[in-house]
Amino acid sequence: MPMQDRLVRFQLFGQEFTFYSNSSEEEVESVIKLLRQELESDEKISRSSVPSSKMLVLSCLRMAAKYVHLHREFEEYRSVQEAVVGRLLHKISSEAE
């Protein structure tokens, strides 16, 4: 049974953000924690010199870039695994004949 949307509230840069989500509490907490880590990881950018909206966009872009990279790695891994399984199935079927 799918979860119902619920209101999620969190604060960043002294501002409250709200959205609705049907994700589990653990997933939402993990996402917010990841965003906070991403924002804190870039010590080169001074929070006082860059608007919070720009910081959020830059963090989202970095996270999107990481996602694209991981997705590409996963597709490459899956392709290699499919080839390995294909060779094993071929070997098994040829030995069974």
C-alpha atoms as a PDB file:
ATOM      1  CA  MET A   1       0.000   0.000   0.000  1.00  0.00           C
ATOM      2  CA  PRO A   2       1.569   3.350  -1.032  1.00  0.00           C
ATOM      3  CA  MET A   3       2.272   5.899   1.654  1.00  0.00           C
ATOM      4  CA  GLN A   4       0.224   9.066   1.682  1.00  0.00           C
ATOM      5  CA  ASP A   5       1.827  12.421   1.041  1.00  0.00           C
ATOM      6  CA  ARG A   6       2.806  14.201   4.212  1.00  0.00           C
ATOM      7  CA  LEU A   7       4.156  17.646   4.860  1.00  0.00           C
ATOM      8  CA  VAL A   8       7.911  17.811   5.444  1.00  0.00           C
ATOM      9  CA  ARG A   9       9.541  20.863   7.022  1.00  0.00           C
ATOM     10  CA  PHE A  10      13.226  21.618   7.426  1.00  0.00           C
ATOM     11  CA  GLN A  11      15.481  24.629   7.816  1.00  0.00           C
ATOM     12  CA  LEU A  12      18.523  25.757   5.865  1.00  0.00           C
ATOM     13  CA  PHE A  13      20.225  29.123   6.116  1.00  0.00           C
ATOM     14  CA  GLY A  14      17.666  30.184   8.710  1.00  0.00           C
ATOM     15  CA  GLN A  15      14.835  29.684   6.220  1.00  0.00           C
ATOM     16  CA  GLU A  16      12.094  27.104   6.522  1.00  0.00           C
ATOM     17  CA  PHE A  17      11.401  24.893   3.511  1.00  0.00           C
ATOM     18  CA  THR A  18       8.303  22.741   3.174  1.00  0.00           C
ATOM     19  CA  PHE A  19       7.195  20.154   0.674  1.00  0.00           C
ATOM     20  CA  TYR A  20       4.948  17.129   0.449  1.00  0.00           C
ATOM     21  CA  SER A  21       6.428  13.665   0.134  1.00  0.00           C
ATOM     22  CA  ASN A  22       5.229  10.092   0.184  1.00  0.00           C
ATOM     23  CA  SER A  23       8.749   8.862   0.984  1.00  0.00           C
ATOM     24  CA  SER A  24       9.507   7.242   4.310  1.00  0.00           C
ATOM     25  CA  GLU A  25      10.765   9.346   7.203  1.00  0.00           C
ATOM     26  CA  GLU A  26      14.185   7.666   6.891  1.00  0.00           C
ATOM     27  CA  GLU A  27      14.454   8.516   3.190  1.00  0.00           C
ATOM     28  CA  VAL A  28      13.483  12.145   3.760  1.00  0.00           C
ATOM     29  CA  GLU A  29      15.987  12.468   6.608  1.00  0.00           C
ATOM     30  CA  SER A  30      18.709  10.918   4.430  1.00  0.00           C
ATOM     31  CA  VAL A  31      17.986  13.351   1.586  1.00  0.00           C
ATOM     32  CA  ILE A  32      18.060  16.393   3.868  1.00  0.00           C
ATOM     33  CA  LYS A  33      21.254  15.131   5.530  1.00  0.00           C
ATOM     34  CA  LEU A  34      22.846  14.661   2.097  1.00  0.00           C
ATOM     35  CA  LEU A  35      21.890  18.204   1.083  1.00  0.00           C
ATOM     36  CA  ARG A  36      23.332  19.620   4.302  1.00  0.00           C
ATOM     37  CA  GLN A  37      26.571  17.656   3.799  1.00  0.00           C
ATOM     38  CA  GLU A  38      26.813  18.908   0.233  1.00  0.00           C
ATOM     39  CA  LEU A  39      26.321  22.500   1.363  1.00  0.00           C
ATOM     40  CA  GLU A  40      28.917  22.144   4.107  1.00  0.00           C
ATOM     41  CA  SER A  41      31.446  20.371   1.872  1.00  0.00           C
ATOM     42  CA  ASP A  42      32.219  23.443  -0.212  1.00  0.00           C
ATOM     43  CA  GLU A  43      34.324  25.482   2.161  1.00  0.00           C
ATOM     44  CA  LYS A  44      35.694  27.601  -0.712  1.00  0.00           C
ATOM     45  CA  ILE A  45      32.422  29.500  -0.992  1.00  0.00           C
ATOM     46  CA  SER A  46      31.767  31.894   1.836  1.00  0.00           C
ATOM     47  CA  ARG A  47      28.141  31.719   2.902  1.00  0.00           C
ATOM     48  CA  SER A  48      28.146  35.440   3.637  1.00  0.00           C
ATOM     49  CA  SER A  49      29.271  36.334   0.104  1.00  0.00           C
ATOM     50  CA  VAL A  50      26.967  34.004  -1.842  1.00  0.00           C
ATOM     51  CA  PRO A  51      23.171  34.158  -1.616  1.00  0.00           C
ATOM     52  CA  SER A  52      21.576  31.071  -0.082  1.00  0.00           C
ATOM     53  CA  SER A  53      19.494  30.482  -3.217  1.00  0.00           C
ATOM     54  CA  LYS A  54      22.666  30.274  -5.305  1.00  0.00           C
ATOM     55  CA  MET A  55      24.282  27.938  -2.742  1.00  0.00           C
ATOM     56  CA  LEU A  56      21.256  25.637  -2.952  1.00  0.00           C
ATOM     57  CA  VAL A  57      21.311  25.610  -6.762  1.00  0.00           C
ATOM     58  CA  LEU A  58      25.062  24.915  -6.848  1.00  0.00           C
ATOM     59  CA  SER A  59      24.650  22.092  -4.326  1.00  0.00           C
ATOM     60  CA  CYS A  60      21.814  20.589  -6.341  1.00  0.00           C
ATOM     61  CA  LEU A  61      23.932  20.780  -9.499  1.00  0.00           C
ATOM     62  CA  ARG A  62      26.822  19.000  -7.742  1.00  0.00           C
ATOM     63  CA  MET A  63      24.457  16.306  -6.489  1.00  0.00           C
ATOM     64  CA  ALA A  64      22.940  15.931  -9.967  1.00  0.00           C
ATOM     65  CA  ALA A  65      26.426  15.570 -11.439  1.00  0.00           C
ATOM     66  CA  LYS A  66      27.225  12.853  -8.887  1.00  0.00           C
ATOM     67  CA  TYR A  67      23.957  11.099  -9.755  1.00  0.00           C
ATOM     68  CA  VAL A  68      24.735  11.178 -13.486  1.00  0.00           C
ATOM     69  CA  HIS A  69      28.229   9.810 -12.807  1.00  0.00           C
ATOM     70  CA  LEU A  70      26.886   7.003 -10.581  1.00  0.00           C
ATOM     71  CA  HIS A  71      24.160   6.181 -13.103  1.00  0.00           C
ATOM     72  CA  ARG A  72      26.762   5.886 -15.869  1.00  0.00           C
ATOM     73  CA  GLU A  73      28.946   3.673 -13.666  1.00  0.00           C
ATOM     74  CA  PHE A  74      25.943   1.495 -12.839  1.00  0.00           C
ATOM     75  CA  GLU A  75      25.017   1.101 -16.521  1.00  0.00           C
ATOM     76  CA  GLU A  76      28.611   0.120 -17.336  1.00  0.00           C
ATOM     77  CA  TYR A  77      28.619  -2.375 -14.436  1.00  0.00           C
ATOM     78  CA  ARG A  78      25.296  -3.834 -15.540  1.00  0.00           C
ATOM     79  CA  SER A  79      26.537  -4.200 -19.104  1.00  0.00           C
ATOM     80  CA  VAL A  80      29.659  -6.041 -17.937  1.00  0.00           C
ATOM     81  CA  GLN A  81      27.592  -8.300 -15.663  1.00  0.00           C
ATOM     82  CA  GLU A  82      25.147  -9.123 -18.468  1.00  0.00           C
ATOM     83  CA  ALA A  83      28.080 -10.084 -20.692  1.00  0.00           C
ATOM     84  CA  VAL A  84      29.566 -12.298 -17.957  1.00  0.00           C
ATOM     85  CA  VAL A  85      26.219 -13.996 -17.323  1.00  0.00           C
ATOM     86  CA  GLY A  86      25.730 -14.467 -21.069  1.00  0.00           C
ATOM     87  CA  ARG A  87      29.124 -16.152 -21.403  1.00  0.00           C
ATOM     88  CA  LEU A  88      28.412 -18.386 -18.411  1.00  0.00           C
ATOM     89  CA  LEU A  89      25.017 -19.413 -19.805  1.00  0.00           C
ATOM     90  CA  HIS A  90      26.581 -20.133 -23.180  1.00  0.00           C
ATOM     91  CA  LYS A  91      29.319 -22.209 -21.531  1.00  0.00           C
ATOM     92  CA  ILE A  92      26.794 -24.130 -19.422  1.00  0.00           C
ATOM     93  CA  SER A  93      24.504 -24.809 -22.371  1.00  0.00           C
ATOM     94  CA  SER A  94      27.390 -25.907 -24.636  1.00  0.00           C
ATOM     95  CA  GLU A  95      28.736 -28.281 -21.960  1.00  0.00           C
ATOM     96  CA  ALA A  96      25.274 -29.735 -21.375  1.00  0.00           C
ATOM     97  CA  GLU A  97      24.957 -30.765 -25.035  1.00  0.00           C
END
